[in-house]
Amino acid sequence: MKEYLNHRDISCILFFNCRSIHFLINIYSNSSQIALKYLKDTKANINNALIITGDFNIRDNIWDPFFPHYLVYNDTLTDITEYLNI
């Protein structure tokens, strides 16, 4: 977990509830998708992640019907949320 806390583009807020630690994760991913690639490449294993928020810099026709393209970065974000069980 420590490696994620030290990443410049990933902020984790942790809190305790009933003797369990839970995480809120904020990600800033620049146009090169550095933070998303890092999380995917390291197979992020952050137990009890409740939510991921941030500026993912991903425009995609899945959530923006006026954007004409599908981008592979959407798959990266989806993979990460699956790893984290979000």
Protein backbone atom coordinates (compact mmCIF):
# COMPACT_ATOMS: atom_id res chain seq x y z
CA MET A 1 0.00 0.00 0.00
CA LYS A 2 2.86 2.35 0.78
CA GLU A 3 3.95 2.54 -2.87
CA TYR A 4 0.55 3.95 -3.85
CA LEU A 5 0.67 6.51 -1.07
CA ASN A 6 3.99 7.78 -2.42
CA HIS A 7 2.86 8.19 -6.03
CA ARG A 8 2.66 11.86 -6.99
CA ASP A 9 -0.66 11.48 -8.84
CA ILE A 10 -2.49 9.20 -6.39
CA SER A 11 -3.94 10.40 -3.11
CA CYS A 12 -5.48 8.00 -0.64
CA ILE A 13 -7.60 8.96 2.32
CA LEU A 14 -7.97 6.18 4.82
CA PHE A 15 -10.36 5.91 7.70
CA PHE A 16 -11.22 3.32 10.27
CA ASN A 17 -14.66 1.85 10.73
CA CYS A 18 -15.33 -1.07 13.05
CA ARG A 19 -11.63 -1.97 13.17
CA SER A 20 -11.37 -2.06 9.38
CA ILE A 21 -9.44 0.36 7.21
CA HIS A 22 -11.27 1.79 4.18
CA PHE A 23 -9.88 3.94 1.38
CA LEU A 24 -11.05 6.81 -0.76
CA ILE A 25 -8.72 7.13 -3.74
CA ASN A 26 -8.20 10.23 -5.85
CA ILE A 27 -6.27 9.98 -9.11
CA TYR A 28 -4.94 12.61 -11.43
CA SER A 29 -3.97 11.05 -14.73
CA ASN A 30 -2.27 13.37 -17.17
CA SER A 31 -2.58 13.07 -20.94
CA SER A 32 -0.02 10.22 -20.86
CA GLN A 33 -2.18 8.31 -18.35
CA ILE A 34 0.81 7.81 -16.01
CA ALA A 35 -1.21 7.12 -12.84
CA LEU A 36 -3.64 4.75 -14.54
CA LYS A 37 -0.82 2.84 -16.23
CA TYR A 38 1.00 2.60 -12.89
CA LEU A 39 -2.05 1.16 -11.13
CA LYS A 40 -2.70 -1.30 -13.93
CA ASP A 41 0.95 -2.39 -14.26
CA THR A 42 1.31 -2.95 -10.53
CA LYS A 43 -2.03 -4.79 -10.34
CA ALA A 44 -3.19 -2.47 -7.60
CA ASN A 45 -4.16 -4.40 -4.51
CA ILE A 46 -5.86 -1.90 -2.26
CA ASN A 47 -8.28 -3.73 -0.03
CA ASN A 48 -11.45 -1.98 1.06
CA ALA A 49 -11.35 0.75 -1.56
CA LEU A 50 -14.78 2.36 -1.54
CA ILE A 51 -14.50 4.92 -4.30
CA ILE A 52 -12.11 6.16 -6.94
CA THR A 53 -12.41 9.77 -8.02
CA GLY A 54 -10.30 12.12 -10.03
CA ASP A 55 -9.40 13.63 -13.31
CA PHE A 56 -8.79 10.62 -15.52
CA ASN A 57 -8.49 12.69 -18.72
CA ILE A 58 -10.48 10.11 -20.65
CA ARG A 59 -13.05 11.29 -23.12
CA ASP A 60 -14.99 8.40 -24.49
CA ASN A 61 -18.20 7.82 -26.42
CA ILE A 62 -19.37 5.44 -23.68
CA TRP A 63 -20.18 8.36 -21.35
CA ASP A 64 -20.06 11.28 -23.79
CA PRO A 65 -22.35 10.61 -26.75
CA PHE A 66 -21.02 13.72 -28.52
CA PHE A 67 -17.44 12.40 -28.51
CA PRO A 68 -17.00 10.27 -31.64
CA HIS A 69 -14.29 7.85 -30.44
CA TYR A 70 -13.75 4.94 -28.13
CA LEU A 71 -10.39 5.10 -26.32
CA VAL A 72 -8.34 2.20 -24.97
CA TYR A 73 -7.79 4.19 -21.73
CA ASN A 74 -11.39 3.40 -20.86
CA ASP A 75 -10.36 -0.28 -20.71
CA THR A 76 -7.47 0.61 -18.40
CA LEU A 77 -9.78 2.43 -16.01
CA THR A 78 -12.27 -0.45 -16.13
CA ASP A 79 -9.51 -2.98 -15.41
CA ILE A 80 -8.39 -0.98 -12.37
CA THR A 81 -11.90 -0.76 -10.95
CA GLU A 82 -12.22 -4.53 -11.38
CA TYR A 83 -8.93 -5.14 -9.52
CA LEU A 84 -10.17 -2.93 -6.71
CA ASN A 85 -13.65 -4.51 -6.67
CA ILE A 86 -15.31 -1.14 -7.12
